Protein backbone atom coordinates (compact mmCIF):
# COMPACT_ATOMS: atom_id res chain seq x y z
CA MET A 1 126.94 119.61 144.37
CA MET A 2 127.44 116.05 145.80
CA LEU A 3 128.52 114.99 149.15
CA TYR A 4 129.57 111.33 149.28
CA THR A 5 128.08 110.06 152.52
CA ASN A 6 127.96 106.47 151.74
CA LEU A 7 131.65 105.71 151.53
CA LYS A 8 132.43 102.82 153.83
CA ASP A 9 136.05 101.91 153.08
CA VAL A 10 138.24 104.77 152.21
CA ILE A 11 141.72 103.71 151.61
CA ILE A 12 144.52 105.92 150.02
CA ASN A 13 148.00 104.29 149.34
CA GLY A 14 147.03 101.55 151.65
CA LYS A 15 146.23 103.76 154.55
CA ARG A 16 142.52 103.61 155.88
CA TYR A 17 140.75 106.82 156.64
CA ASN A 18 137.60 107.64 158.62
CA HIS A 19 135.51 109.44 156.08
CA THR A 20 133.36 112.34 157.34
CA PRO A 21 131.66 114.46 154.58
CA ILE A 22 131.60 118.16 155.32
CA LEU A 23 129.69 121.00 153.61
CA LYS A 24 131.91 124.10 154.50
CA LEU A 25 130.34 127.45 153.71
CA THR A 26 132.17 130.77 154.31
CA THR A 27 131.17 134.37 154.40
CA GLU A 28 133.18 137.55 154.09
CA GLU A 29 132.02 138.97 157.26
CA SER A 30 131.15 137.18 160.52
CA PHE A 31 128.13 135.04 160.48
CA ASN A 32 125.21 135.82 162.93
CA THR A 33 122.10 133.57 162.83
CA GLU A 34 120.05 136.44 164.40
CA SER A 35 120.54 138.75 161.45
CA LEU A 36 119.35 136.31 158.84
CA SER A 37 116.06 136.86 157.07
CA LYS A 38 113.24 134.41 157.61
CA LYS A 39 113.95 132.79 154.24
CA GLN A 40 117.76 132.48 155.08
CA SER A 41 116.99 131.02 158.53
CA GLU A 42 114.55 128.41 156.94
CA THR A 43 117.35 127.51 154.50
CA LEU A 44 119.77 127.19 157.45
CA LYS A 45 117.27 124.92 159.32
CA THR A 46 116.92 122.78 156.26
CA LEU A 47 120.49 122.23 155.75
CA MET A 48 120.90 121.43 159.40
CA GLU A 49 118.24 118.89 159.04
CA GLU A 50 119.76 117.39 156.14
CA ALA A 51 123.24 117.25 157.71
CA ASN A 52 121.74 115.28 160.65
CA ALA A 53 119.56 112.94 158.47
CA ASN A 54 122.35 112.22 155.89
CA GLY A 55 125.52 112.06 158.26
CA PHE A 56 127.42 115.10 157.15
CA ARG A 57 128.74 118.01 159.05
CA LEU A 58 127.69 121.57 158.27
CA LEU A 59 130.28 124.28 158.98
CA ILE A 60 129.87 128.08 158.38
CA ASN A 61 133.00 129.99 158.97
CA ASN A 62 134.43 126.96 161.00
CA TYR A 63 131.41 126.98 163.35
CA ASP A 64 129.77 123.39 163.29
CA PHE A 65 126.00 123.60 162.87
CA SER A 66 125.80 119.91 162.96
CA THR A 67 123.64 118.44 165.64
CA ASN A 68 125.17 114.90 165.18
CA PRO A 69 128.59 115.10 163.61
CA ASN A 70 130.15 111.90 162.21
CA SER A 71 133.59 112.34 163.86
């Protein structure tokens, strides 16, 4: 999977857009961070750190886990 976080000038049909890359994950049931295993918690923490460091948003079931969203 690739998230394009380095796009500067996004123009479609002559209209300029603000580009905000988003990694959106969904689950079949409600998502509760307290019910995650240790490994799952570590993975989520790593994804959150990557989102912050690389300027993309992390959404899980429409909840924004980004600490510094680019919007």
